[in-house]
């Protein structure tokens, strides 16, 4: 597991603006993902699974529960100023997916507004963002000019999914081969479908990031690394 500090926000990671009013907690049970719908095979709401907190095959990070896979390195992106974990990344030799979960209203979808925010930020930074229909509905295909570790500028393509669940939005940004030549059974794509989102009953304004927590053993590793 690796920990990366994020001093500057990437355009494809622009956080959605939170609404002024908070949603009241909803104690009603959530229904399962619709058969044949975009989430028919995942990602899942925790109420749609039989997740056991004692299941050591999964990593519980609060609002996101992920299944580590051989060949994929799990990384936590940490905000440099606050020290808070802001995103989870599963990265392999062929590509990666960055995961962020946000609160959404009980009725309605914030992905339309979030897409516009991301596209505007990409344009501001000199990149391109085009909308396409993807496996989870409308998606953005983004191209940005970035500076590599060798100091050279290059084009970085990515695909940004907005996956809606019961009162949450999972934003998944794919890089590398999954962004260019996705395959249904690819390791990154399969890992994305295995993600479980825990919205929780606490009130959150629509668009507010759902909190990510770090298990004590992992927190000790972070502290040791400084």
Protein backbone atom coordinates (compact mmCIF):
# COMPACT_ATOMS: atom_id res chain seq x y z
CA UNK A 1 0.00 0.00 0.00
CA UNK A 2 1.24 3.47 -0.87
CA UNK A 3 0.33 6.92 0.33
CA UNK A 4 0.50 9.94 -1.92
CA UNK A 5 0.03 13.55 -0.91
CA UNK A 6 -2.05 15.75 -3.16
CA UNK A 7 -0.89 19.37 -2.98
CA UNK A 8 -2.88 20.29 -6.10
CA UNK A 9 -6.20 18.99 -7.34
CA UNK A 10 -6.35 17.40 -10.77
CA UNK A 11 -8.98 18.77 -13.14
CA UNK A 12 -10.67 15.40 -13.48
CA UNK A 13 -10.91 15.25 -9.68
CA UNK A 14 -12.67 18.57 -9.16
CA UNK A 15 -14.96 18.22 -6.15
CA UNK A 16 -18.66 18.92 -6.72
CA UNK A 17 -20.03 21.98 -4.98
CA UNK A 18 -22.11 21.08 -1.94
CA UNK A 19 -25.67 22.33 -1.71
CA UNK A 20 -26.46 24.75 1.09
CA UNK A 21 -29.01 22.55 2.83
CA UNK A 22 -28.18 19.23 4.42
CA UNK A 23 -30.16 16.10 3.70
CA UNK A 24 -31.97 14.59 6.65
CA UNK A 25 -30.84 11.07 7.51
CA UNK A 26 -32.89 8.38 5.84
CA UNK A 27 -33.58 5.28 7.91
CA UNK A 28 -35.64 3.52 5.25
CA UNK A 29 -34.12 0.40 3.71
CA UNK A 30 -32.51 0.83 0.31
CA UNK A 31 -33.58 -1.37 -2.57
CA UNK A 32 -31.22 -3.51 -4.64
CA UNK A 33 -29.60 -2.38 -7.85
CA UNK A 34 -32.03 -2.76 -10.75
CA UNK A 35 -31.58 -5.94 -12.80
CA UNK A 36 -30.20 -4.93 -16.16
CA UNK A 37 -29.40 -1.43 -14.86
CA UNK A 38 -25.94 0.16 -14.94
CA UNK A 39 -25.13 -1.20 -11.46
CA UNK A 40 -26.56 -4.67 -12.01
CA UNK A 41 -23.05 -6.13 -11.58
CA UNK A 42 -21.67 -3.47 -9.21
CA UNK A 43 -20.43 -1.23 -7.75
CA UNK A 44 -22.69 -1.93 -4.79
CA UNK A 45 -24.42 -0.18 -1.97
CA UNK A 46 -23.57 -1.90 1.31
CA UNK A 47 -27.25 -2.81 1.77
CA UNK A 48 -27.04 -4.85 -1.44
CA UNK A 49 -24.29 -7.08 -0.07
CA UNK A 50 -23.69 -9.50 2.79
CA UNK A 51 -20.49 -7.71 3.79
CA UNK A 52 -19.03 -8.94 7.08
CA UNK A 53 -16.72 -6.60 9.00
CA UNK A 54 -14.58 -9.62 9.85
CA UNK A 55 -13.98 -10.35 6.15
CA UNK A 56 -10.21 -9.96 5.81
CA UNK A 57 -10.38 -10.21 2.01
CA UNK A 58 -11.73 -6.64 1.86
CA UNK A 59 -10.33 -3.34 3.09
CA UNK A 60 -12.80 -1.16 4.98
CA UNK A 61 -12.05 2.53 4.39
CA UNK A 62 -15.27 3.96 5.76
CA UNK A 63 -17.38 5.18 2.85
CA UNK A 64 -15.56 2.82 0.46
CA UNK A 65 -14.88 -0.89 0.89
CA UNK A 66 -12.50 -2.32 -1.69
CA UNK A 67 -11.22 -5.77 -2.53
CA UNK A 68 -7.42 -5.82 -2.97
CA UNK A 69 -6.40 -7.73 -6.07
CA UNK A 70 -3.14 -9.32 -7.07
CA UNK A 71 -1.38 -7.04 -9.52
CA UNK A 72 -3.15 -3.90 -8.29
CA UNK A 73 -1.42 -1.58 -5.86
CA UNK A 74 -3.77 0.14 -3.42
CA UNK A 75 -2.85 3.79 -2.85
CA UNK A 76 -4.43 6.41 -0.62
CA UNK A 77 -4.33 10.02 -1.76
CA UNK A 78 -3.88 12.39 1.17
CA UNK A 79 -4.64 16.11 1.14
CA UNK A 80 -1.41 17.89 2.01
CA UNK A 81 -3.08 20.65 4.04
CA UNK A 82 -5.67 18.72 6.02
CA UNK A 83 -3.94 15.35 6.18
CA UNK A 84 -7.25 13.70 5.30
CA UNK A 85 -7.54 10.80 2.86
CA UNK A 86 -9.48 12.13 -0.14
CA UNK A 87 -9.35 9.28 -2.66
CA UNK A 88 -8.52 5.62 -3.12
CA UNK A 89 -6.51 4.45 -6.14
CA UNK A 90 -6.14 0.92 -7.44
CA UNK A 91 -3.19 0.91 -9.84
CA UNK A 92 -1.66 -1.85 -11.96
CA UNK A 93 0.75 -2.23 -14.84
CA UNK A 94 -1.87 -1.41 -17.47
CA UNK A 95 -3.77 1.36 -15.72
CA UNK A 96 -5.55 2.62 -12.63
CA UNK A 97 -8.86 3.77 -11.21
CA UNK A 98 -9.29 6.57 -8.70
CA UNK A 99 -12.35 6.36 -6.44
CA UNK A 100 -14.19 9.14 -4.60
CA UNK A 101 -17.65 8.96 -3.04
CA UNK A 102 -20.03 11.89 -2.53
CA UNK A 103 -23.41 12.36 -0.91
CA UNK A 104 -26.36 12.76 -3.25
CA UNK A 105 -29.96 13.81 -2.62
CA UNK A 106 -32.64 11.27 -1.91
CA UNK A 107 -34.33 12.21 -5.16
CA UNK A 108 -32.40 13.41 -8.18
CA UNK A 109 -28.90 13.04 -9.58
CA UNK A 110 -25.93 15.40 -9.10
CA UNK A 111 -23.83 13.84 -11.89
CA UNK A 112 -25.12 16.27 -14.54
CA UNK A 113 -23.84 19.24 -12.53
CA UNK A 114 -20.59 17.49 -11.58
CA UNK A 115 -19.83 16.70 -15.24
CA UNK A 116 -20.21 20.37 -16.12
CA UNK A 117 -17.85 21.38 -13.30
CA UNK A 118 -15.22 18.87 -14.36
CA UNK A 119 -15.47 19.83 -18.03
CA UNK A 120 -15.15 23.54 -17.18
CA UNK A 121 -12.04 22.90 -15.07
CA UNK A 122 -10.47 20.75 -17.79
CA UNK A 123 -11.08 23.51 -20.36
CA UNK A 124 -9.58 26.09 -17.99
CA UNK A 125 -6.42 24.01 -17.82
CA UNK A 126 -6.17 23.76 -21.59
CA UNK A 127 -7.47 20.20 -21.93
CA UNK A 128 -10.47 18.67 -23.64
CA UNK A 129 -13.48 16.94 -22.13
CA UNK A 130 -16.03 15.26 -24.36
CA UNK A 131 -19.21 13.52 -23.26
CA UNK A 132 -20.03 9.98 -24.35
CA UNK A 133 -22.49 7.32 -23.34
CA UNK A 134 -20.71 4.68 -21.26
CA UNK A 135 -21.51 1.58 -19.23
CA UNK A 136 -22.80 3.67 -16.32
CA UNK A 137 -24.53 6.36 -18.38
CA UNK A 138 -23.01 9.66 -19.52
CA UNK A 139 -19.25 9.81 -18.98
CA UNK A 140 -16.45 12.27 -19.72
CA UNK A 141 -13.39 11.45 -21.77
CA UNK A 142 -10.67 13.84 -20.75
CA UNK A 143 -7.27 14.65 -22.23
CA UNK A 144 -4.84 16.83 -20.27
CA UNK A 145 -1.25 17.82 -20.85
CA UNK A 146 0.82 16.72 -17.85
CA UNK A 147 4.49 16.71 -16.94
CA UNK A 148 5.97 13.25 -16.43
CA UNK A 149 8.59 12.19 -13.92
CA UNK A 150 11.25 12.74 -16.59
CA UNK A 151 10.17 16.36 -16.95
CA UNK A 152 8.65 15.89 -20.38
CA UNK A 153 5.14 17.01 -21.26
CA UNK A 154 2.69 14.41 -22.50
CA UNK A 155 -0.97 13.76 -23.05
CA UNK A 156 -2.86 11.98 -20.24
CA UNK A 157 -6.22 10.52 -21.27
CA UNK A 158 -8.79 9.51 -18.68
CA UNK A 159 -12.43 8.48 -18.45
CA UNK A 160 -14.61 9.82 -15.67
CA UNK A 161 -17.66 7.82 -14.60
CA UNK A 162 -20.40 9.09 -12.32
CA UNK A 163 -22.08 6.04 -10.81
CA UNK A 164 -25.25 6.80 -8.87
CA UNK A 165 -26.45 4.71 -5.94
CA UNK A 166 -28.86 5.22 -3.03
CA UNK A 167 -28.10 8.80 -1.96
CA UNK A 168 -24.51 8.62 -3.17
CA UNK A 169 -22.40 9.26 -6.25
CA UNK A 170 -19.25 7.25 -6.87
CA UNK A 171 -16.84 9.10 -9.14
CA UNK A 172 -14.42 6.71 -10.80
CA UNK A 173 -11.60 8.07 -12.97
CA UNK A 174 -9.83 5.53 -15.17
CA UNK A 175 -6.30 6.00 -16.49
CA UNK A 176 -4.09 4.04 -18.87
CA UNK A 177 -5.45 1.15 -20.91
CA UNK A 178 -8.87 1.15 -19.19
CA UNK A 179 -9.31 4.73 -20.41
CA UNK A 180 -8.31 3.89 -24.00
CA UNK A 181 -9.18 0.25 -24.60
CA UNK A 182 -11.45 -0.94 -21.78
CA UNK A 183 -12.19 -4.62 -21.38
CA UNK A 184 -15.06 -5.97 -19.30
CA UNK A 185 -12.91 -8.51 -17.46
CA UNK A 186 -9.83 -6.30 -17.04
CA UNK A 187 -8.37 -6.13 -13.50
CA UNK A 188 -9.15 -2.44 -13.05
CA UNK A 189 -12.66 -2.74 -14.46
CA UNK A 190 -13.36 -5.81 -12.32
CA UNK A 191 -12.03 -4.08 -9.21
CA UNK A 192 -14.36 -1.15 -9.85
CA UNK A 193 -17.37 -3.47 -9.97
CA UNK A 194 -16.34 -4.99 -6.62
CA UNK A 195 -16.42 -1.63 -4.81
CA UNK A 196 -18.94 -1.27 -1.99
CA UNK A 197 -20.17 2.20 -0.98
CA UNK A 198 -21.28 2.87 2.61
CA UNK A 199 -23.34 6.07 2.64
CA UNK A 200 -24.14 5.91 6.34
CA UNK A 201 -27.04 7.60 8.09
CA UNK A 202 -25.32 10.89 8.93
CA UNK A 203 -26.67 14.04 7.26
CA UNK A 204 -24.49 15.29 4.40
CA UNK A 205 -25.14 18.08 1.95
CA UNK A 206 -25.50 16.83 -1.63
CA UNK A 207 -22.07 16.94 -3.23
CA UNK A 208 -20.20 16.64 0.08
CA UNK A 209 -17.39 14.10 0.06
CA UNK A 210 -18.20 11.02 2.11
CA UNK A 211 -15.50 10.47 4.72
CA UNK A 212 -12.73 7.96 4.17
CA UNK A 213 -11.18 6.36 7.24
CA UNK A 214 -7.97 4.42 7.60
CA UNK A 215 -7.74 1.17 9.60
CA UNK A 216 -5.44 1.47 12.65
CA UNK A 217 -2.79 -0.84 11.19
CA UNK A 218 -2.69 1.19 7.99
CA UNK A 219 -2.62 4.46 9.94
CA UNK A 220 0.45 3.21 11.80
CA UNK A 221 2.16 2.57 8.46
CA UNK A 222 1.31 6.11 7.33
CA UNK A 223 2.73 7.61 10.51
CA UNK A 224 5.90 5.56 10.19
CA UNK A 225 6.38 6.81 6.63
CA UNK A 226 5.94 10.39 7.79
